[in-house]
Amino acid sequence: MARKLYPTLAVLMVSVIWGLSFLFTRGVLFFLTPFQLLGLRFVLAALALSLLVLLRLATVNIRLHHLPELLKVAFW
């Protein structure tokens, strides 16, 4: 029963975080430029994903033969 509740709680948490990010962004833009805020968000996301990978809570399977396609998407 509890396992069925996990996806619902995950969606609820994402919604709360997403909603609060608008308030956070509004307040932070008094101190940072939009590009600085964007860079900060990317750095924080990279650190969070790196931590999840290091703790083996998430996996990232990127093979060398996938790299050209990923670069096309990244620079499009």
N, C-alpha and C. Protein backbone atom coordinates (compact mmCIF):
# COMPACT_ATOMS: atom_id res chain seq x y z
N MET A 1 0.82 -1.20 0.00
CA MET A 1 0.00 0.00 0.00
C MET A 1 0.87 1.26 0.00
N ALA A 2 1.92 1.24 0.81
CA ALA A 2 2.77 2.42 0.92
C ALA A 2 3.52 2.68 -0.39
N ARG A 3 3.88 1.61 -1.12
CA ARG A 3 4.60 1.78 -2.38
C ARG A 3 3.75 2.48 -3.43
N LYS A 4 2.44 2.32 -3.35
CA LYS A 4 1.55 2.99 -4.29
C LYS A 4 1.45 4.48 -3.98
N LEU A 5 1.79 4.85 -2.78
CA LEU A 5 1.71 6.24 -2.36
C LEU A 5 2.94 7.05 -2.79
N TYR A 6 4.08 6.39 -3.04
CA TYR A 6 5.32 7.08 -3.38
C TYR A 6 5.20 7.97 -4.62
N PRO A 7 4.64 7.49 -5.74
CA PRO A 7 4.54 8.38 -6.90
C PRO A 7 3.69 9.62 -6.63
N THR A 8 2.62 9.46 -5.89
CA THR A 8 1.76 10.60 -5.57
C THR A 8 2.51 11.61 -4.72
N LEU A 9 3.23 11.13 -3.73
CA LEU A 9 4.01 12.03 -2.88
C LEU A 9 5.13 12.71 -3.68
N ALA A 10 5.74 11.98 -4.60
CA ALA A 10 6.81 12.55 -5.43
C ALA A 10 6.26 13.69 -6.29
N VAL A 11 5.11 13.48 -6.90
CA VAL A 11 4.49 14.53 -7.72
C VAL A 11 4.10 15.72 -6.86
N LEU A 12 3.60 15.47 -5.68
CA LEU A 12 3.24 16.56 -4.78
C LEU A 12 4.47 17.38 -4.39
N MET A 13 5.57 16.70 -4.07
CA MET A 13 6.80 17.41 -3.70
C MET A 13 7.35 18.23 -4.86
N VAL A 14 7.32 17.66 -6.06
CA VAL A 14 7.80 18.40 -7.24
C VAL A 14 6.95 19.64 -7.46
N SER A 15 5.64 19.50 -7.29
CA SER A 15 4.74 20.64 -7.47
C SER A 15 5.01 21.74 -6.45
N VAL A 16 5.25 21.35 -5.21
CA VAL A 16 5.54 22.34 -4.16
C VAL A 16 6.87 23.04 -4.45
N ILE A 17 7.88 22.27 -4.81
CA ILE A 17 9.19 22.87 -5.10
C ILE A 17 9.09 23.79 -6.31
N TRP A 18 8.38 23.35 -7.34
CA TRP A 18 8.22 24.15 -8.54
C TRP A 18 7.49 25.46 -8.21
N GLY A 19 6.44 25.38 -7.44
CA GLY A 19 5.70 26.57 -7.08
C GLY A 19 6.51 27.54 -6.23
N LEU A 20 7.27 27.01 -5.29
CA LEU A 20 8.08 27.87 -4.44
C LEU A 20 9.26 28.48 -5.20
N SER A 21 9.66 27.84 -6.29
CA SER A 21 10.79 28.38 -7.04
C SER A 21 10.45 29.74 -7.65
N PHE A 22 9.18 29.98 -7.95
CA PHE A 22 8.80 31.28 -8.48
C PHE A 22 8.99 32.37 -7.43
N LEU A 23 8.64 32.08 -6.19
CA LEU A 23 8.87 33.06 -5.11
C LEU A 23 10.36 33.27 -4.88
N PHE A 24 11.11 32.19 -4.91
CA PHE A 24 12.56 32.27 -4.75
C PHE A 24 13.17 33.12 -5.85
N THR A 25 12.76 32.87 -7.09
CA THR A 25 13.31 33.61 -8.23
C THR A 25 13.01 35.09 -8.12
N ARG A 26 11.81 35.40 -7.73
CA ARG A 26 11.41 36.81 -7.61
C ARG A 26 12.29 37.54 -6.59
N GLY A 27 12.55 36.89 -5.47
CA GLY A 27 13.37 37.52 -4.44
C GLY A 27 14.84 37.61 -4.79
N VAL A 28 15.35 36.58 -5.45
CA VAL A 28 16.78 36.53 -5.77
C VAL A 28 17.15 37.50 -6.88
N LEU A 29 16.20 37.80 -7.76
CA LEU A 29 16.52 38.70 -8.87
C LEU A 29 16.82 40.13 -8.41
N PHE A 30 16.58 40.43 -7.14
CA PHE A 30 17.01 41.72 -6.60
C PHE A 30 18.52 41.75 -6.39
N PHE A 31 19.13 40.56 -6.27
CA PHE A 31 20.55 40.47 -5.95
C PHE A 31 21.40 39.93 -7.10
N LEU A 32 20.82 39.15 -7.99
CA LEU A 32 21.55 38.54 -9.09
C LEU A 32 20.91 38.91 -10.42
N THR A 33 21.72 38.85 -11.46
CA THR A 33 21.16 39.03 -12.80
C THR A 33 20.51 37.72 -13.22
N PRO A 34 19.65 37.75 -14.23
CA PRO A 34 19.02 36.50 -14.66
C PRO A 34 20.04 35.44 -15.10
N PHE A 35 21.13 35.85 -15.74
CA PHE A 35 22.14 34.88 -16.17
C PHE A 35 22.90 34.29 -14.99
N GLN A 36 23.14 35.08 -13.97
CA GLN A 36 23.78 34.54 -12.77
C GLN A 36 22.87 33.54 -12.08
N LEU A 37 21.59 33.85 -12.01
CA LEU A 37 20.63 32.92 -11.41
C LEU A 37 20.55 31.63 -12.20
N LEU A 38 20.53 31.73 -13.52
CA LEU A 38 20.50 30.55 -14.37
C LEU A 38 21.74 29.69 -14.15
N GLY A 39 22.91 30.32 -14.09
CA GLY A 39 24.14 29.58 -13.82
C GLY A 39 24.11 28.90 -12.47
N LEU A 40 23.62 29.60 -11.47
CA LEU A 40 23.51 29.03 -10.13
C LEU A 40 22.59 27.82 -10.11
N ARG A 41 21.47 27.91 -10.81
CA ARG A 41 20.53 26.79 -10.86
C ARG A 41 21.16 25.57 -11.55
N PHE A 42 21.92 25.81 -12.63
CA PHE A 42 22.58 24.70 -13.31
C PHE A 42 23.65 24.06 -12.43
N VAL A 43 24.41 24.88 -11.72
CA VAL A 43 25.45 24.34 -10.83
C VAL A 43 24.81 23.52 -9.72
N LEU A 44 23.74 24.03 -9.11
CA LEU A 44 23.07 23.30 -8.04
C LEU A 44 22.47 21.99 -8.55
N ALA A 45 21.90 22.01 -9.76
CA ALA A 45 21.34 20.78 -10.34
C ALA A 45 22.44 19.77 -10.62
N ALA A 46 23.57 20.24 -11.14
CA ALA A 46 24.69 19.33 -11.42
C ALA A 46 25.24 18.72 -10.13
N LEU A 47 25.34 19.52 -9.08
CA LEU A 47 25.81 19.00 -7.80
C LEU A 47 24.83 17.99 -7.21
N ALA A 48 23.55 18.27 -7.32
CA ALA A 48 22.54 17.35 -6.80
C ALA A 48 22.57 16.03 -7.56
N LEU A 49 22.65 16.10 -8.88
CA LEU A 49 22.71 14.87 -9.67
C LEU A 49 23.99 14.11 -9.39
N SER A 50 25.11 14.82 -9.25
CA SER A 50 26.38 14.15 -8.93
C SER A 50 26.30 13.44 -7.59
N LEU A 51 25.67 14.07 -6.62
CA LEU A 51 25.52 13.44 -5.31
C LEU A 51 24.66 12.18 -5.41
N LEU A 52 23.57 12.23 -6.17
CA LEU A 52 22.73 11.06 -6.34
C LEU A 52 23.47 9.92 -7.04
N VAL A 53 24.30 10.27 -8.00
CA VAL A 53 25.08 9.24 -8.70
C VAL A 53 26.14 8.66 -7.77
N LEU A 54 26.81 9.51 -7.01
CA LEU A 54 27.84 9.02 -6.07
C LEU A 54 27.25 8.11 -5.00
N LEU A 55 26.05 8.42 -4.55
CA LEU A 55 25.38 7.60 -3.55
C LEU A 55 24.67 6.39 -4.17
N ARG A 56 24.78 6.26 -5.48
CA ARG A 56 24.18 5.17 -6.25
C ARG A 56 22.65 5.12 -6.10
N LEU A 57 22.06 6.30 -5.96
CA LEU A 57 20.61 6.41 -5.94
C LEU A 57 20.06 6.67 -7.33
N ALA A 58 20.95 7.05 -8.26
CA ALA A 58 20.58 7.30 -9.65
C ALA A 58 21.72 6.84 -10.53
N THR A 59 21.40 6.47 -11.75
CA THR A 59 22.43 6.08 -12.71
C THR A 59 22.32 6.95 -13.94
N VAL A 60 23.45 7.22 -14.53
CA VAL A 60 23.52 7.97 -15.78
C VAL A 60 24.29 7.11 -16.77
N ASN A 61 23.58 6.62 -17.77
CA ASN A 61 24.20 5.73 -18.75
C ASN A 61 24.42 6.48 -20.06
N ILE A 62 25.55 7.14 -20.17
CA ILE A 62 25.91 7.85 -21.39
C ILE A 62 27.11 7.14 -22.00
N ARG A 63 26.93 6.64 -23.20
CA ARG A 63 27.99 5.95 -23.92
C ARG A 63 28.60 6.91 -24.94
N LEU A 64 29.82 6.63 -25.33
CA LEU A 64 30.53 7.49 -26.26
C LEU A 64 29.79 7.62 -27.60
N HIS A 65 29.15 6.57 -28.05
CA HIS A 65 28.44 6.65 -29.32
C HIS A 65 27.15 7.48 -29.22
N HIS A 66 26.71 7.82 -28.02
CA HIS A 66 25.55 8.70 -27.83
C HIS A 66 25.95 10.18 -27.87
N LEU A 67 27.22 10.45 -27.71
CA LEU A 67 27.69 11.83 -27.57
C LEU A 67 27.33 12.74 -28.75
N PRO A 68 27.49 12.33 -30.01
CA PRO A 68 27.11 13.25 -31.10
C PRO A 68 25.64 13.66 -31.05
N GLU A 69 24.76 12.74 -30.76
CA GLU A 69 23.34 13.07 -30.67
C GLU A 69 23.04 13.99 -29.49
N LEU A 70 23.71 13.74 -28.38
CA LEU A 70 23.51 14.60 -27.20
C LEU A 70 24.00 16.02 -27.47
N LEU A 71 25.11 16.14 -28.17
CA LEU A 71 25.64 17.47 -28.49
C LEU A 71 24.72 18.21 -29.45
N LYS A 72 24.09 17.49 -30.37
CA LYS A 72 23.13 18.15 -31.27
C LYS A 72 21.97 18.75 -30.47
N VAL A 73 21.49 17.99 -29.50
CA VAL A 73 20.38 18.47 -28.67
C VAL A 73 20.85 19.63 -27.78
N ALA A 74 22.05 19.53 -27.25
CA ALA A 74 22.56 20.56 -26.34
C ALA A 74 22.77 21.89 -27.02
N PHE A 75 23.22 21.85 -28.27
CA PHE A 75 23.54 23.11 -28.96
C PHE A 75 22.44 23.58 -29.89
N TRP A 76 21.33 22.86 -29.95
CA TRP A 76 20.24 23.28 -30.83
C TRP A 76 19.57 24.47 -30.33
